N, C-alpha and C. Protein backbone atom coordinates (compact mmCIF):
# COMPACT_ATOMS: atom_id res chain seq x y z
N UNK A 1 44.42 147.66 173.30
CA UNK A 1 42.67 147.94 173.88
C UNK A 1 42.08 149.64 173.37
N UNK A 2 43.04 150.64 172.86
CA UNK A 2 42.52 151.87 172.97
C UNK A 2 41.92 151.84 172.13
N UNK A 3 42.12 151.36 170.11
CA UNK A 3 41.37 150.88 169.08
C UNK A 3 42.05 150.24 168.75
N UNK A 4 40.96 149.53 167.86
CA UNK A 4 40.97 148.62 166.99
C UNK A 4 41.14 148.76 165.06
N UNK A 5 41.66 148.13 164.78
CA UNK A 5 42.10 147.98 162.66
C UNK A 5 40.55 148.09 162.36
N UNK A 6 40.16 146.78 162.13
CA UNK A 6 38.62 146.55 161.91
C UNK A 6 38.27 145.05 162.80
N UNK A 7 36.75 145.57 162.86
CA UNK A 7 35.95 144.49 163.71
C UNK A 7 35.76 143.19 162.95
N UNK A 8 35.25 142.35 163.83
CA UNK A 8 34.99 140.83 163.38
C UNK A 8 34.12 140.86 163.11
N UNK A 9 34.39 140.06 161.12
CA UNK A 9 33.32 139.57 161.12
C UNK A 9 32.22 138.53 161.21
N UNK A 10 33.08 137.56 162.69
CA UNK A 10 32.31 136.46 162.72
C UNK A 10 31.49 136.84 164.01
N UNK A 11 31.65 137.94 165.09
CA UNK A 11 30.63 138.28 166.62
C UNK A 11 30.08 139.13 165.08
N UNK A 12 30.15 139.50 164.38
CA UNK A 12 29.16 140.28 163.45
C UNK A 12 28.23 139.70 162.96
N UNK A 13 28.28 138.40 162.09
CA UNK A 13 27.22 137.41 162.29
C UNK A 13 26.73 136.79 162.93
N UNK A 14 27.07 136.33 163.89
CA UNK A 14 26.62 135.81 165.27
C UNK A 14 25.96 136.41 166.16
N UNK A 15 25.61 137.84 165.92
CA UNK A 15 24.94 139.11 166.64
C UNK A 15 23.67 139.15 165.66
N UNK A 16 24.08 139.15 164.00
CA UNK A 16 23.21 139.00 162.95
C UNK A 16 22.54 138.19 163.41
N UNK A 17 22.61 136.41 163.40
CA UNK A 17 22.09 135.77 163.98
C UNK A 17 20.99 135.34 165.58
N UNK A 18 21.72 135.75 165.94
CA UNK A 18 20.95 135.63 167.32
C UNK A 18 19.64 137.70 167.37
N UNK A 19 20.16 137.78 166.28
CA UNK A 19 18.97 139.02 166.60
C UNK A 19 18.06 138.39 165.54
N UNK A 20 18.46 138.15 165.00
CA UNK A 20 17.08 137.75 164.55
C UNK A 20 16.61 136.18 164.58
N UNK A 21 17.32 135.20 165.42
CA UNK A 21 16.13 134.38 166.15
C UNK A 21 15.38 135.05 167.27
N UNK A 22 15.66 136.09 167.74
CA UNK A 22 15.14 137.20 168.92
C UNK A 22 13.52 137.32 168.02
N UNK A 23 14.08 138.46 167.10
CA UNK A 23 13.50 138.97 166.74
C UNK A 23 11.98 138.40 165.62
N UNK A 24 12.34 137.37 165.74
CA UNK A 24 11.17 136.20 164.75
C UNK A 24 10.75 135.54 165.93
N UNK A 25 10.83 135.36 167.50
CA UNK A 25 10.65 134.89 168.15
C UNK A 25 11.17 133.39 168.44
N UNK A 26 11.65 133.01 168.06
CA UNK A 26 12.15 131.14 167.62
C UNK A 26 11.34 130.62 169.14
N UNK A 27 12.09 131.19 170.11
CA UNK A 27 12.77 130.15 171.48
C UNK A 27 11.07 130.82 172.26
N UNK A 28 9.92 132.08 171.99
CA UNK A 28 9.50 132.51 172.26
C UNK A 28 8.83 133.99 172.80
N UNK A 29 7.84 133.96 172.49
CA UNK A 29 8.11 135.36 172.58
C UNK A 29 8.13 136.72 173.86
N UNK A 30 8.23 135.30 175.20
CA UNK A 30 7.58 135.85 176.34
C UNK A 30 9.01 136.09 176.80
N UNK A 31 10.29 135.84 175.82
CA UNK A 31 11.21 135.74 176.53
C UNK A 31 12.39 136.83 176.16
N UNK A 32 13.17 137.83 177.55
CA UNK A 32 13.75 139.09 177.61
C UNK A 32 15.40 138.85 176.85
N UNK A 33 15.99 139.58 176.30
CA UNK A 33 16.81 139.35 175.49
C UNK A 33 17.85 139.90 175.77
N UNK A 34 19.22 139.71 175.82
CA UNK A 34 20.51 140.98 176.28
C UNK A 34 21.36 140.18 175.01
N UNK A 35 21.86 140.50 174.31
CA UNK A 35 22.75 140.60 173.52
C UNK A 35 24.19 140.99 173.23
N UNK A 36 25.31 141.21 173.74
CA UNK A 36 26.71 141.90 174.29
C UNK A 36 27.24 141.26 173.42
N UNK A 37 28.75 142.33 172.95
CA UNK A 37 29.32 141.96 171.97
C UNK A 37 30.98 142.16 173.48
N UNK A 38 31.33 141.01 172.68
CA UNK A 38 32.64 141.71 173.71
C UNK A 38 33.92 140.74 172.54
N UNK A 39 34.82 142.23 172.31
CA UNK A 39 35.60 141.32 171.70
C UNK A 39 37.12 142.06 172.30
N UNK A 40 38.34 140.55 173.03
CA UNK A 40 39.57 140.77 173.46
C UNK A 40 40.25 141.75 172.73
N UNK A 41 39.85 142.17 171.50
CA UNK A 41 41.33 142.90 170.56
C UNK A 41 41.13 144.39 171.53
N UNK A 42 39.76 144.71 171.37
CA UNK A 42 39.45 146.29 172.17
C UNK A 42 38.83 146.43 173.36
N UNK A 43 38.98 145.41 173.47
CA UNK A 43 37.50 145.22 175.60
C UNK A 43 38.48 144.07 176.46
N UNK A 44 38.44 144.42 177.06
CA UNK A 44 38.96 143.43 178.72
C UNK A 44 37.75 142.47 178.58
N UNK A 45 37.51 141.36 178.98
CA UNK A 45 36.62 140.37 179.34
C UNK A 45 36.37 140.53 180.54
N UNK A 46 35.35 140.76 181.18
CA UNK A 46 35.19 140.13 182.61
C UNK A 46 34.44 138.91 183.43
N UNK A 47 34.99 138.34 183.23
CA UNK A 47 34.67 136.73 183.51
C UNK A 47 33.64 137.07 184.59
N UNK A 48 34.27 137.40 186.19
CA UNK A 48 33.61 137.77 187.26
C UNK A 48 31.87 138.54 187.22
N UNK A 49 31.84 139.34 185.84
CA UNK A 49 30.41 140.11 185.60
C UNK A 49 29.77 139.11 185.15
N UNK A 50 30.30 138.01 184.23
CA UNK A 50 29.89 137.45 183.78
C UNK A 50 29.06 135.95 184.13
N UNK A 51 29.88 135.29 185.31
CA UNK A 51 29.71 134.89 186.45
C UNK A 51 28.19 135.75 187.42
N UNK A 52 28.36 136.34 187.78
CA UNK A 52 27.70 137.33 188.69
C UNK A 52 25.69 137.29 187.73
N UNK A 53 26.22 137.78 186.32
CA UNK A 53 24.66 138.13 185.55
C UNK A 53 23.89 136.76 185.66
N UNK A 54 25.16 135.19 185.39
CA UNK A 54 24.43 134.00 185.35
C UNK A 54 23.80 133.59 186.46
N UNK A 55 24.59 134.64 187.81
CA UNK A 55 23.03 133.85 189.00
C UNK A 55 22.39 134.74 189.50
N UNK A 56 21.67 135.73 188.42
CA UNK A 56 20.48 137.13 188.75
C UNK A 56 19.26 135.69 188.70
N UNK A 57 18.42 136.01 189.12
CA UNK A 57 17.38 135.30 189.07
C UNK A 57 16.77 135.32 188.07
N UNK A 58 15.94 133.94 187.42
CA UNK A 58 15.61 134.04 186.26
C UNK A 58 16.67 134.37 184.87
N UNK A 59 17.93 134.68 185.08
CA UNK A 59 18.67 134.71 183.96
C UNK A 59 19.76 133.75 183.16
N UNK A 60 19.65 133.17 182.33
CA UNK A 60 20.09 132.30 181.74
C UNK A 60 21.51 133.13 180.68
N UNK A 61 22.30 132.98 180.82
CA UNK A 61 23.55 133.53 180.19
C UNK A 61 24.72 132.12 179.32
N UNK A 62 24.62 132.34 178.11
CA UNK A 62 25.53 131.85 177.47
C UNK A 62 26.05 132.04 176.57
N UNK A 63 27.73 131.79 176.91
CA UNK A 63 28.65 132.96 176.92
C UNK A 63 29.32 132.05 175.28
N UNK A 64 29.74 132.70 174.19
CA UNK A 64 30.22 131.96 172.90
C UNK A 64 31.57 132.32 172.51
N UNK A 65 32.67 131.62 172.44
CA UNK A 65 33.62 132.27 171.53
C UNK A 65 33.91 132.12 170.61
N UNK A 66 33.50 132.79 169.72
CA UNK A 66 33.58 132.44 168.29
C UNK A 66 34.91 132.99 167.48
N UNK A 67 35.01 132.44 166.28
CA UNK A 67 35.81 132.39 165.21
C UNK A 67 37.07 131.73 165.43
N UNK A 68 37.37 131.43 166.81
CA UNK A 68 39.12 131.22 167.60
C UNK A 68 39.56 130.10 166.58
N UNK A 69 41.26 130.83 166.44
CA UNK A 69 41.81 130.50 165.90
C UNK A 69 42.56 129.85 166.49
N UNK A 70 43.96 129.56 165.31
CA UNK A 70 44.35 128.18 166.95
C UNK A 70 45.43 129.01 167.69
N UNK A 71 46.35 129.71 166.59
CA UNK A 71 46.93 131.57 166.97
C UNK A 71 46.17 132.00 168.70
N UNK A 72 44.77 132.08 169.40
CA UNK A 72 43.79 132.10 169.91
C UNK A 72 43.23 131.83 171.01
N UNK A 73 43.75 129.80 170.42
CA UNK A 73 43.20 128.63 171.04
C UNK A 73 43.26 128.64 172.99
N UNK A 74 44.41 129.21 173.40
CA UNK A 74 44.99 129.31 174.49
C UNK A 74 44.33 129.87 175.39
N UNK A 75 43.96 131.16 175.10
CA UNK A 75 43.26 132.45 175.93
C UNK A 75 42.11 132.24 175.76
N UNK A 76 41.49 131.36 174.80
CA UNK A 76 39.72 130.63 174.39
C UNK A 76 39.25 130.03 175.65
N UNK A 77 40.86 129.25 175.57
CA UNK A 77 40.79 127.98 176.69
C UNK A 77 40.68 128.48 178.14
N UNK A 78 41.80 129.48 178.71
CA UNK A 78 41.67 129.66 179.67
C UNK A 78 40.06 130.11 180.28
N UNK A 79 39.45 131.28 179.85
CA UNK A 79 38.48 131.73 179.71
C UNK A 79 37.28 131.20 179.52
N UNK A 80 36.85 130.00 178.94
CA UNK A 80 35.78 128.90 178.53
C UNK A 80 36.54 128.29 179.83
N UNK A 81 37.46 127.83 180.47
CA UNK A 81 37.31 126.71 182.24
C UNK A 81 37.17 127.64 183.46
N UNK A 82 37.17 129.20 182.83
CA UNK A 82 37.29 130.12 183.62
C UNK A 82 35.41 130.61 183.99
N UNK A 83 34.87 130.62 183.09
CA UNK A 83 33.94 130.41 182.95
C UNK A 83 32.58 129.37 183.55
N UNK A 84 33.21 127.85 182.63
CA UNK A 84 32.82 127.12 183.31
C UNK A 84 32.95 126.74 185.04
N UNK A 85 33.85 126.94 185.45
CA UNK A 85 34.07 126.69 187.12
C UNK A 85 33.03 127.79 187.59
N UNK A 86 32.57 128.76 187.01
CA UNK A 86 31.61 129.94 188.14
C UNK A 86 30.25 129.13 187.06
N UNK A 87 30.08 128.34 186.59
CA UNK A 87 28.78 127.16 186.14
C UNK A 87 28.07 128.08 185.11
N UNK A 88 28.76 128.78 184.18
CA UNK A 88 28.32 129.56 182.69
C UNK A 88 27.97 128.43 181.81
N UNK A 89 27.32 128.50 180.86
CA UNK A 89 27.20 127.28 179.46
C UNK A 89 27.91 128.29 178.61
N UNK A 90 28.56 127.05 178.31
CA UNK A 90 30.17 128.25 177.56
C UNK A 90 29.92 127.02 175.83
N UNK A 91 30.17 127.77 174.69
CA UNK A 91 30.42 127.07 173.98
C UNK A 91 31.66 127.69 172.37
N UNK A 92 32.34 127.05 172.01
CA UNK A 92 33.26 127.20 171.36
C UNK A 92 33.68 126.92 170.18
N UNK A 93 33.98 128.22 169.20
CA UNK A 93 33.74 127.03 167.67
C UNK A 93 35.23 128.19 167.00
N UNK A 94 34.82 127.82 165.29
CA UNK A 94 36.14 128.66 165.12
C UNK A 94 37.19 127.36 164.41
N UNK A 95 38.21 128.21 163.83
CA UNK A 95 38.83 127.34 162.72
C UNK A 95 39.52 125.92 163.06
N UNK A 96 40.05 126.54 163.81
CA UNK A 96 40.58 125.45 165.22
C UNK A 96 40.29 124.52 165.69
N UNK A 97 38.80 125.05 166.29
CA UNK A 97 37.96 123.79 166.65
C UNK A 97 37.39 123.36 165.42
N UNK A 98 36.54 123.85 164.31
CA UNK A 98 36.34 122.69 162.90
C UNK A 98 37.73 122.33 162.41
N UNK A 99 38.30 122.72 162.50
CA UNK A 99 39.20 122.69 161.71
C UNK A 99 39.83 121.67 162.11
N UNK A 100 40.26 120.75 163.74
CA UNK A 100 40.68 119.78 164.37
C UNK A 100 39.49 118.66 163.45
N UNK A 101 38.42 118.68 163.98
CA UNK A 101 37.59 117.71 164.06
C UNK A 101 36.73 117.59 162.22
N UNK A 102 37.68 118.35 161.82
CA UNK A 102 37.41 117.98 160.19
C UNK A 102 38.50 117.04 159.59
N UNK A 103 39.77 117.00 159.94
CA UNK A 103 40.80 116.51 159.63
C UNK A 103 41.84 115.48 160.75
N UNK A 104 41.11 115.50 161.50
CA UNK A 104 41.39 114.67 162.38
C UNK A 104 40.55 113.67 163.22
N UNK A 105 40.30 112.15 163.58
CA UNK A 105 39.51 111.27 163.97
C UNK A 105 38.63 111.19 164.95
N UNK A 106 39.35 111.47 166.10
CA UNK A 106 39.05 112.37 167.25
C UNK A 106 39.40 113.55 167.68
N UNK A 107 38.13 113.66 169.11
CA UNK A 107 39.60 116.18 168.76
C UNK A 107 40.38 115.43 169.89
N UNK A 108 42.13 116.51 169.02
CA UNK A 108 43.01 116.21 170.15
C UNK A 108 42.97 116.97 171.36
N UNK A 109 44.18 116.62 172.31
CA UNK A 109 43.91 116.42 173.51
C UNK A 109 43.37 117.98 173.80
N UNK A 110 43.63 119.34 173.67
CA UNK A 110 43.44 120.33 174.31
C UNK A 110 41.68 120.38 173.79
N UNK A 111 41.12 119.68 172.55
CA UNK A 111 39.66 120.02 172.62
C UNK A 111 39.07 119.20 173.78
N UNK A 112 39.65 117.77 174.18
CA UNK A 112 38.66 116.85 174.84
C UNK A 112 38.69 117.33 175.96
N UNK A 113 40.51 118.65 176.56
CA UNK A 113 39.83 118.87 177.50
C UNK A 113 38.89 119.82 178.08
N UNK A 114 38.48 119.93 177.10
CA UNK A 114 37.62 121.61 177.61
C UNK A 114 35.91 120.89 177.17
N UNK A 115 36.08 119.14 176.73
CA UNK A 115 35.07 118.64 176.40
C UNK A 115 34.62 118.39 177.98
N UNK A 116 35.68 117.79 178.63
CA UNK A 116 35.50 116.91 179.54
C UNK A 116 34.96 118.01 180.97
N UNK A 117 35.39 119.30 180.44
CA UNK A 117 35.30 120.66 181.98
C UNK A 117 33.09 121.10 180.98
N UNK A 118 33.05 120.55 180.01
CA UNK A 118 31.31 120.40 179.61
C UNK A 118 31.20 122.15 179.15
N UNK A 119 32.85 121.97 178.23
CA UNK A 119 32.40 123.38 177.20
C UNK A 119 31.77 122.58 175.86
N UNK A 120 31.22 123.54 175.55
CA UNK A 120 30.30 122.21 174.27
C UNK A 120 31.25 123.41 173.21
N UNK A 121 31.21 122.56 172.20
CA UNK A 121 32.35 122.80 171.07
C UNK A 121 31.08 122.57 169.54
N UNK A 122 31.47 123.83 168.92
CA UNK A 122 30.59 123.96 167.63
C UNK A 122 31.68 124.06 166.16
N UNK A 123 31.15 123.16 165.63
CA UNK A 123 32.20 123.33 164.41
C UNK A 123 31.71 122.86 162.91
N UNK A 124 32.12 124.22 162.04
CA UNK A 124 31.17 124.29 160.89
C UNK A 124 30.21 125.75 160.85
N UNK A 125 29.56 126.12 160.34
CA UNK A 125 28.73 127.46 160.19
C UNK A 125 27.38 126.92 160.82
N UNK A 126 26.31 128.18 161.07
CA UNK A 126 25.57 127.66 162.14
C UNK A 126 23.98 128.30 161.61
N UNK A 127 24.29 128.87 160.21
CA UNK A 127 23.24 129.33 159.84
C UNK A 127 22.18 128.38 159.57
N UNK A 128 21.18 128.90 159.88
CA UNK A 128 20.01 127.54 160.17
C UNK A 128 19.94 126.17 161.22
N UNK A 129 20.85 126.16 162.40
CA UNK A 129 21.08 125.50 163.15
C UNK A 129 20.99 126.25 164.71
N UNK A 130 20.97 127.83 164.06
CA UNK A 130 21.54 128.51 165.87
C UNK A 130 19.91 128.58 166.40
N UNK A 131 19.51 128.64 165.34
CA UNK A 131 17.63 127.95 167.01
C UNK A 131 17.82 127.01 168.02
N UNK A 132 18.18 126.31 167.38
CA UNK A 132 18.19 124.88 167.80
C UNK A 132 19.25 124.73 169.05
N UNK A 133 20.32 124.93 168.64
CA UNK A 133 21.63 125.20 169.38
C UNK A 133 20.78 126.06 171.56
N UNK A 134 20.42 126.88 170.43
CA UNK A 134 20.10 127.99 171.48
C UNK A 134 19.19 127.45 172.73
N UNK A 135 17.95 126.54 171.73
CA UNK A 135 16.88 126.17 173.00
C UNK A 135 17.55 125.32 173.58
N UNK A 136 18.62 124.55 172.66
CA UNK A 136 19.04 123.47 173.66
C UNK A 136 19.93 124.27 175.22
N UNK A 137 20.38 125.33 174.61
CA UNK A 137 21.25 125.67 175.53
C UNK A 137 19.91 126.44 176.94
N UNK A 138 18.86 127.26 176.31
CA UNK A 138 17.71 127.58 177.32
C UNK A 138 17.46 126.35 178.36
N UNK A 139 17.02 124.71 177.49
CA UNK A 139 16.34 123.85 178.14
C UNK A 139 17.52 123.07 178.84
N UNK A 140 18.84 123.78 179.02
CA UNK A 140 19.67 122.58 179.83
C UNK A 140 20.00 121.53 179.09
N UNK A 141 20.36 121.04 177.70
CA UNK A 141 20.31 120.08 176.91
C UNK A 141 21.41 119.97 176.43
N UNK A 142 22.41 120.59 176.61
CA UNK A 142 23.79 121.42 175.22
C UNK A 142 24.39 119.83 174.91
N UNK A 143 24.87 119.41 173.83
CA UNK A 143 25.44 118.63 173.47
C UNK A 143 27.15 118.88 173.22
N UNK A 144 27.50 117.93 173.85
CA UNK A 144 29.32 118.35 173.85
C UNK A 144 29.52 118.50 172.97
N UNK A 145 29.21 118.03 171.59
CA UNK A 145 29.72 118.34 169.91
C UNK A 145 28.63 118.43 168.90
N UNK A 146 28.59 119.94 168.67
CA UNK A 146 27.84 120.18 167.69
C UNK A 146 28.05 120.34 165.65
N UNK A 147 28.35 119.18 164.86
CA UNK A 147 29.28 119.47 164.12
C UNK A 147 28.71 119.15 162.64
N UNK A 148 28.61 120.34 161.74
CA UNK A 148 27.52 120.38 160.76
C UNK A 148 28.53 120.39 159.44
N UNK A 149 29.89 120.42 159.30
CA UNK A 149 30.80 120.26 158.46
C UNK A 149 30.63 118.94 157.26
N UNK A 150 29.67 118.39 157.58
CA UNK A 150 29.19 117.17 156.43
C UNK A 150 28.07 118.14 155.20
N UNK A 151 27.82 119.15 156.28
CA UNK A 151 26.49 120.26 155.50
C UNK A 151 26.50 121.46 155.62
N UNK A 152 27.20 122.17 154.69
CA UNK A 152 27.71 123.62 154.28
C UNK A 152 25.35 124.01 154.25
N UNK A 153 25.52 125.22 155.19
CA UNK A 153 24.42 125.49 154.82
C UNK A 153 24.31 126.83 153.60
N UNK A 154 22.84 126.67 153.16
CA UNK A 154 22.91 127.60 151.78
C UNK A 154 23.12 128.94 152.58
N UNK A 155 23.49 130.11 152.09
CA UNK A 155 23.55 131.69 152.19
C UNK A 155 23.14 132.23 151.86
N UNK A 156 22.55 131.92 150.84
CA UNK A 156 21.61 132.91 149.08
C UNK A 156 20.49 134.31 150.15
N UNK A 157 19.49 132.99 151.40
CA UNK A 157 18.63 134.21 152.46
C UNK A 157 19.79 133.88 153.85
N UNK A 158 20.55 134.10 154.41
CA UNK A 158 20.82 134.00 155.37
C UNK A 158 20.84 134.94 155.68
N UNK A 159 20.66 135.53 157.41
CA UNK A 159 20.58 136.49 157.69
C UNK A 159 21.74 137.26 157.68
N UNK A 160 21.85 138.51 157.38
CA UNK A 160 23.00 139.47 157.40
C UNK A 160 23.63 139.10 158.89
N UNK A 161 25.05 139.96 158.87
CA UNK A 161 25.73 140.44 159.33
C UNK A 161 25.16 141.55 160.09
N UNK A 162 25.68 142.36 161.53
CA UNK A 162 25.00 143.43 162.11
C UNK A 162 26.55 143.75 162.89
N UNK A 163 26.16 145.05 163.05
CA UNK A 163 27.38 145.47 163.71
C UNK A 163 27.01 146.73 164.53
N UNK A 164 26.74 146.09 166.17
CA UNK A 164 26.77 147.12 167.03
C UNK A 164 27.65 148.28 167.12
N UNK A 165 26.70 149.32 167.03
CA UNK A 165 27.24 150.98 167.08
C UNK A 165 27.81 151.03 168.02
N UNK A 166 27.35 150.86 169.03
CA UNK A 166 28.78 150.92 170.06
C UNK A 166 30.16 150.48 170.32
N UNK A 167 29.90 149.53 169.86
CA UNK A 167 31.43 148.06 169.20
C UNK A 167 32.23 149.06 168.50
N UNK A 168 31.57 149.56 167.23
CA UNK A 168 31.83 150.45 166.16
C UNK A 168 33.13 151.87 166.64
N UNK A 169 32.78 151.74 167.97
CA UNK A 169 33.43 153.13 168.52
C UNK A 169 34.05 152.45 169.04
N UNK A 170 34.78 151.76 168.99
CA UNK A 170 36.26 150.87 169.72
C UNK A 170 37.82 151.01 168.34
N UNK A 171 36.72 151.36 167.26
CA UNK A 171 37.85 150.89 166.51
C UNK A 171 38.46 152.65 165.58
N UNK A 172 39.45 152.72 165.19
CA UNK A 172 39.57 153.53 164.58
C UNK A 172 39.39 154.32 163.72
N UNK A 173 38.37 153.63 162.56
CA UNK A 173 37.72 154.20 162.16
C UNK A 173 36.52 154.20 162.23
N UNK A 174 35.77 154.60 162.86
CA UNK A 174 34.07 153.82 163.62
C UNK A 174 33.09 153.67 162.51
N UNK A 175 33.91 153.58 161.26
CA UNK A 175 32.60 153.61 160.12
C UNK A 175 33.01 152.78 159.19
N UNK A 176 33.80 152.03 159.54
CA UNK A 176 34.65 151.62 158.76
C UNK A 176 34.08 149.34 159.18
N UNK A 177 33.30 148.62 158.49
CA UNK A 177 33.02 147.61 158.54
C UNK A 177 33.26 146.25 157.37
N UNK A 178 33.16 145.02 157.43
CA UNK A 178 32.84 143.92 156.67
C UNK A 178 32.15 143.49 156.70
N UNK A 179 32.17 142.12 154.96
CA UNK A 179 31.24 141.43 155.35
C UNK A 179 31.72 140.48 154.02
N UNK A 180 31.23 139.29 154.83
CA UNK A 180 31.66 137.96 153.85
C UNK A 180 30.18 137.93 153.08
N UNK A 181 30.60 137.76 151.66
CA UNK A 181 29.81 138.07 150.60
C UNK A 181 29.74 136.39 150.25
N UNK A 182 30.31 135.61 150.32
CA UNK A 182 30.53 134.50 149.57
C UNK A 182 31.59 133.19 150.59
N UNK A 183 31.86 132.01 150.60
CA UNK A 183 32.14 130.66 151.63
C UNK A 183 32.23 129.81 150.81
N UNK A 184 33.61 129.04 150.94
CA UNK A 184 33.97 128.15 150.13
C UNK A 184 35.33 128.43 149.07
N UNK A 185 35.55 127.13 148.79
CA UNK A 185 37.03 127.71 147.30
C UNK A 185 36.82 126.17 146.62
N UNK A 186 36.79 126.25 145.59
CA UNK A 186 37.45 125.39 144.63
C UNK A 186 38.34 124.77 144.23
N UNK A 187 39.34 125.42 145.05
CA UNK A 187 40.39 125.24 144.87
C UNK A 187 40.56 123.93 145.88
N UNK A 188 41.93 123.40 145.81
CA UNK A 188 43.03 121.69 146.69
C UNK A 188 43.58 121.89 146.92
N UNK A 189 44.20 122.92 147.56
CA UNK A 189 45.75 123.62 147.83
C UNK A 189 45.96 122.91 149.65
N UNK A 190 46.94 122.34 148.87
CA UNK A 190 46.93 121.45 151.07
C UNK A 190 47.66 122.38 152.32
N UNK A 191 48.15 123.67 151.83
CA UNK A 191 48.35 124.43 152.68
C UNK A 191 47.23 125.30 153.51
N UNK A 192 45.92 124.64 152.51
CA UNK A 192 44.27 125.47 153.19
C UNK A 192 43.99 125.07 154.16
N UNK A 193 42.83 125.47 155.39
CA UNK A 193 42.29 124.53 156.05
C UNK A 193 40.64 125.12 155.12
N UNK A 194 40.93 126.13 154.65
CA UNK A 194 39.04 126.82 154.54
C UNK A 194 38.45 125.41 153.79
N UNK A 195 39.07 124.57 152.77
CA UNK A 195 37.91 123.62 152.12
C UNK A 195 37.38 122.80 153.01
N UNK A 196 38.30 122.28 154.54
CA UNK A 196 38.13 121.08 155.22
C UNK A 196 36.88 122.33 156.32
N UNK A 197 36.93 122.90 156.30
CA UNK A 197 35.89 123.30 157.22
C UNK A 197 34.79 124.31 156.50
N UNK A 198 34.98 124.91 155.38
CA UNK A 198 33.84 125.51 154.66
C UNK A 198 33.16 124.52 153.37
N UNK A 199 33.67 123.44 152.81
CA UNK A 199 33.66 123.09 151.78
C UNK A 199 33.89 123.67 150.35
N UNK A 200 34.25 122.75 149.24
CA UNK A 200 34.93 123.13 148.04
C UNK A 200 33.96 123.82 147.40
N UNK A 201 32.38 123.71 147.76
CA UNK A 201 31.29 124.29 146.83
C UNK A 201 31.46 126.33 146.95
N UNK A 202 31.22 126.79 146.30
CA UNK A 202 31.17 128.84 146.72
C UNK A 202 29.57 128.35 147.09
N UNK A 203 29.95 129.40 148.23
CA UNK A 203 27.74 129.26 148.58
C UNK A 203 28.53 131.14 148.16
N UNK A 204 27.19 131.61 148.13
CA UNK A 204 27.18 133.71 147.52
C UNK A 204 25.96 133.48 148.65
N UNK A 205 26.07 134.67 149.07
CA UNK A 205 24.85 135.59 150.15
C UNK A 205 23.41 136.00 148.46
N UNK A 206 22.85 136.48 148.65
CA UNK A 206 22.31 137.27 147.28
C UNK A 206 22.63 138.33 147.17
N UNK A 207 22.76 138.96 146.17
CA UNK A 207 23.30 139.86 145.78
C UNK A 207 22.27 141.21 146.04
N UNK A 208 20.65 140.93 146.06
CA UNK A 208 20.66 142.02 146.58
C UNK A 208 20.17 141.83 147.98
N UNK A 209 20.40 141.22 148.27
CA UNK A 209 20.64 141.12 150.00
C UNK A 209 21.56 142.01 150.47
N UNK A 210 22.72 142.02 149.20
CA UNK A 210 24.42 142.29 149.88
C UNK A 210 23.79 143.82 149.58
N UNK A 211 23.57 144.19 148.20
CA UNK A 211 23.49 145.87 148.09
C UNK A 211 22.14 146.52 149.22
N UNK A 212 21.15 145.68 149.39
CA UNK A 212 20.52 146.15 150.80
C UNK A 212 21.12 146.48 152.00
N UNK A 213 21.97 145.22 153.00
CA UNK A 213 22.86 145.71 153.62
C UNK A 213 23.96 146.89 153.57
N UNK A 214 24.35 146.93 152.16
CA UNK A 214 25.31 148.30 152.35
C UNK A 214 24.41 149.57 151.91
N UNK A 215 23.46 149.70 151.96
CA UNK A 215 22.09 151.15 151.69
C UNK A 215 22.41 151.34 153.30
N UNK A 216 22.04 150.30 153.95
CA UNK A 216 21.22 150.87 155.04
C UNK A 216 22.51 150.43 156.17
N UNK A 217 23.05 150.55 155.79
CA UNK A 217 24.63 150.95 157.03
C UNK A 217 24.80 151.75 156.53
N UNK A 218 25.14 152.38 155.16
CA UNK A 218 25.41 154.01 154.82
C UNK A 218 24.54 154.88 155.48
N UNK A 219 23.24 155.13 155.72
CA UNK A 219 22.02 155.14 155.88
C UNK A 219 23.11 155.82 157.69
N UNK A 220 23.81 154.80 158.39
CA UNK A 220 23.50 154.98 159.92
C UNK A 220 24.72 155.24 159.65
N UNK A 221 25.88 155.80 158.87
CA UNK A 221 27.24 156.31 158.14
C UNK A 221 28.33 154.86 158.73
N UNK A 222 28.08 154.16 157.86
CA UNK A 222 28.93 152.52 158.23
C UNK A 222 29.30 152.86 156.90
N UNK A 223 30.29 152.59 156.35
CA UNK A 223 30.48 152.21 154.84
C UNK A 223 32.23 151.35 154.74
């Protein structure tokens, strides 16, 4: 927990998408937002604090377990069940959920257990869909599963990832960040799940957007 090596690009993507929803006022201009990034690689997840915050008057807490890979799923499951026991809305996504739903006819038992507990599974990428999912959460009508695997979103003008400065201070090199410039793969390797989750069509971010992102971050000391 002392220092990490690389910040999570998935967390940065979700943070950027959420900030975009907030800044556009997509869910109403009167909402007061608090978006907090928690990376268990370098932080402790305080389940009790999250549950207490969800019980504050007028508050709506949505806990998102993002980018969960198969080796991380058992821990993510424990967190999800603990948060659900406290009454918190929980979403879980990442390659384990997406890959399982892409390759199997039915959700496997470990995902079914979460669904039975009221956890929402999100398969695929959420660019262009995040507004709707957050609106469902705000209105108390989250679906058990959101499956976007059949329609990978375009990335050309998608909101760029954002790195919270306080989060970066938890890493050995606090000026070092990552960026996904594209997703998908044209090859058909049997051992790789990328094509099942992100498709076989290469989708790339706009070059000018990437250049602006690099310059803007450089001005803030991020290289």
